[in-house]
Protein backbone atom coordinates (compact mmCIF):
# COMPACT_ATOMS: atom_id res chain seq x y z
CA MET A 1 -60.01 13.00 -29.18
CA ALA A 2 -57.67 15.64 -28.41
CA ILE A 3 -58.25 18.04 -25.70
CA GLN A 4 -57.89 21.49 -26.47
CA LYS A 5 -60.49 23.39 -24.87
CA ILE A 6 -62.43 22.92 -21.38
CA LEU A 7 -65.04 24.66 -20.34
CA CYS A 8 -66.26 24.64 -16.52
CA CYS A 9 -69.97 25.59 -15.74
CA CYS A 10 -71.81 26.21 -12.94
CA GLY A 11 -75.33 28.10 -12.56
CA SER A 12 -73.97 31.74 -12.67
CA GLY A 13 -71.09 31.21 -14.37
CA LEU A 14 -69.16 33.71 -12.05
CA GLY A 15 -68.39 31.65 -8.81
CA SER A 16 -67.50 28.06 -8.44
CA SER A 17 -66.96 27.58 -12.05
CA LEU A 18 -63.96 30.22 -11.92
CA MET A 19 -62.63 28.63 -8.73
CA VAL A 20 -62.84 25.23 -10.22
CA GLU A 21 -61.24 26.89 -13.58
CA MET A 22 -58.04 28.18 -11.69
CA GLN A 23 -57.72 24.74 -9.96
CA ILE A 24 -57.75 22.60 -13.37
CA GLN A 25 -55.22 25.15 -14.43
CA ASP A 26 -53.03 24.20 -11.63
CA VAL A 27 -53.79 20.70 -12.19
CA LEU A 28 -52.88 21.00 -15.76
CA ASN A 29 -49.56 22.58 -15.01
CA GLU A 30 -48.86 19.77 -12.32
CA LEU A 31 -49.57 17.03 -15.25
CA GLY A 32 -47.52 18.75 -17.77
CA VAL A 33 -50.55 19.77 -20.11
CA SER A 34 -50.24 22.32 -21.86
CA GLY A 35 -51.73 24.05 -24.75
CA VAL A 36 -55.27 23.99 -23.33
CA GLU A 37 -57.66 26.47 -23.05
CA VAL A 38 -59.39 26.43 -20.16
CA GLU A 39 -62.71 29.24 -19.58
CA HIS A 40 -65.44 29.31 -17.73
CA SER A 41 -69.27 29.89 -17.82
CA THR A 42 -73.20 28.88 -17.22
CA VAL A 43 -74.56 25.09 -17.87
CA SER A 44 -76.52 27.46 -20.65
CA ASP A 45 -73.35 27.65 -22.64
CA VAL A 46 -72.78 24.02 -22.63
CA THR A 47 -73.47 22.69 -25.89
CA PRO A 48 -71.90 19.59 -28.10
CA GLY A 49 -68.83 21.34 -29.40
CA ALA A 50 -68.82 24.39 -27.86
CA ALA A 51 -65.49 22.73 -25.87
CA ASP A 52 -63.76 19.44 -25.70
CA LEU A 53 -64.56 18.91 -22.05
CA PHE A 54 -67.14 20.04 -20.03
CA ILE A 55 -66.46 20.38 -15.86
CA VAL A 56 -69.66 20.57 -13.28
CA ALA A 57 -70.31 19.74 -9.85
CA ARG A 58 -72.67 16.97 -9.38
CA ASP A 59 -75.27 18.81 -8.56
CA LEU A 60 -75.64 20.39 -11.76
CA GLU A 61 -75.27 17.05 -14.08
CA ASP A 62 -78.40 16.56 -15.62
CA PHE A 63 -78.12 20.48 -17.15
CA ILE A 64 -75.63 18.45 -19.20
CA ALA A 65 -77.21 14.76 -19.72
CA GLY A 66 -76.67 15.51 -23.69
CA ILE A 67 -73.20 15.47 -23.78
CA PRO A 68 -71.37 12.36 -24.39
CA GLU A 69 -69.49 10.58 -21.32
CA ASP A 70 -65.77 11.08 -22.76
CA GLU A 71 -66.36 15.16 -22.82
CA LYS A 72 -67.64 15.60 -19.55
CA ILE A 73 -66.14 14.98 -15.80
CA VAL A 74 -68.64 15.33 -13.17
CA LEU A 75 -67.18 16.67 -10.05
CA SER A 76 -68.49 15.21 -6.20
CA ASN A 77 -66.78 17.88 -4.81
CA ILE A 78 -65.51 20.80 -6.90
CA LEU A 79 -62.88 21.51 -3.82
CA ASP A 80 -61.28 18.43 -3.85
CA LYS A 81 -57.94 18.72 -5.90
CA ASP A 82 -57.66 15.14 -5.95
CA GLU A 83 -60.62 14.14 -7.54
CA MET A 84 -59.94 16.93 -10.26
CA LYS A 85 -56.35 15.44 -10.46
CA GLU A 86 -57.58 11.72 -11.00
CA LYS A 87 -60.65 12.62 -13.67
CA LEU A 88 -58.15 14.57 -15.58
CA THR A 89 -55.68 12.04 -15.54
CA GLU A 90 -57.88 9.44 -16.73
CA LYS A 91 -59.20 11.96 -19.51
CA PHE A 92 -55.74 13.00 -20.84
CA GLY A 93 -54.70 9.04 -20.75
CA LEU A 94 -51.66 10.24 -18.56
């Protein structure tokens, strides 16, 4: 599956998901990955097909339980750029 759209989700769709979106864009640039749309939203917008990859914090994992494992990243710490880079590297097969 080619990842063309990533959706970062939090409870309100404003604070932490926006921070994660900016961090993802930085990491993708570091990895040399381009052409990927990154957006932020609420967990209520998580529906199969809304994105190729969904990213949430560990406390919201239950909200995306219906999404297949290969289409999601659950972060233990949304501020840990190394964790983000490791998990994105794995998902992109780099």
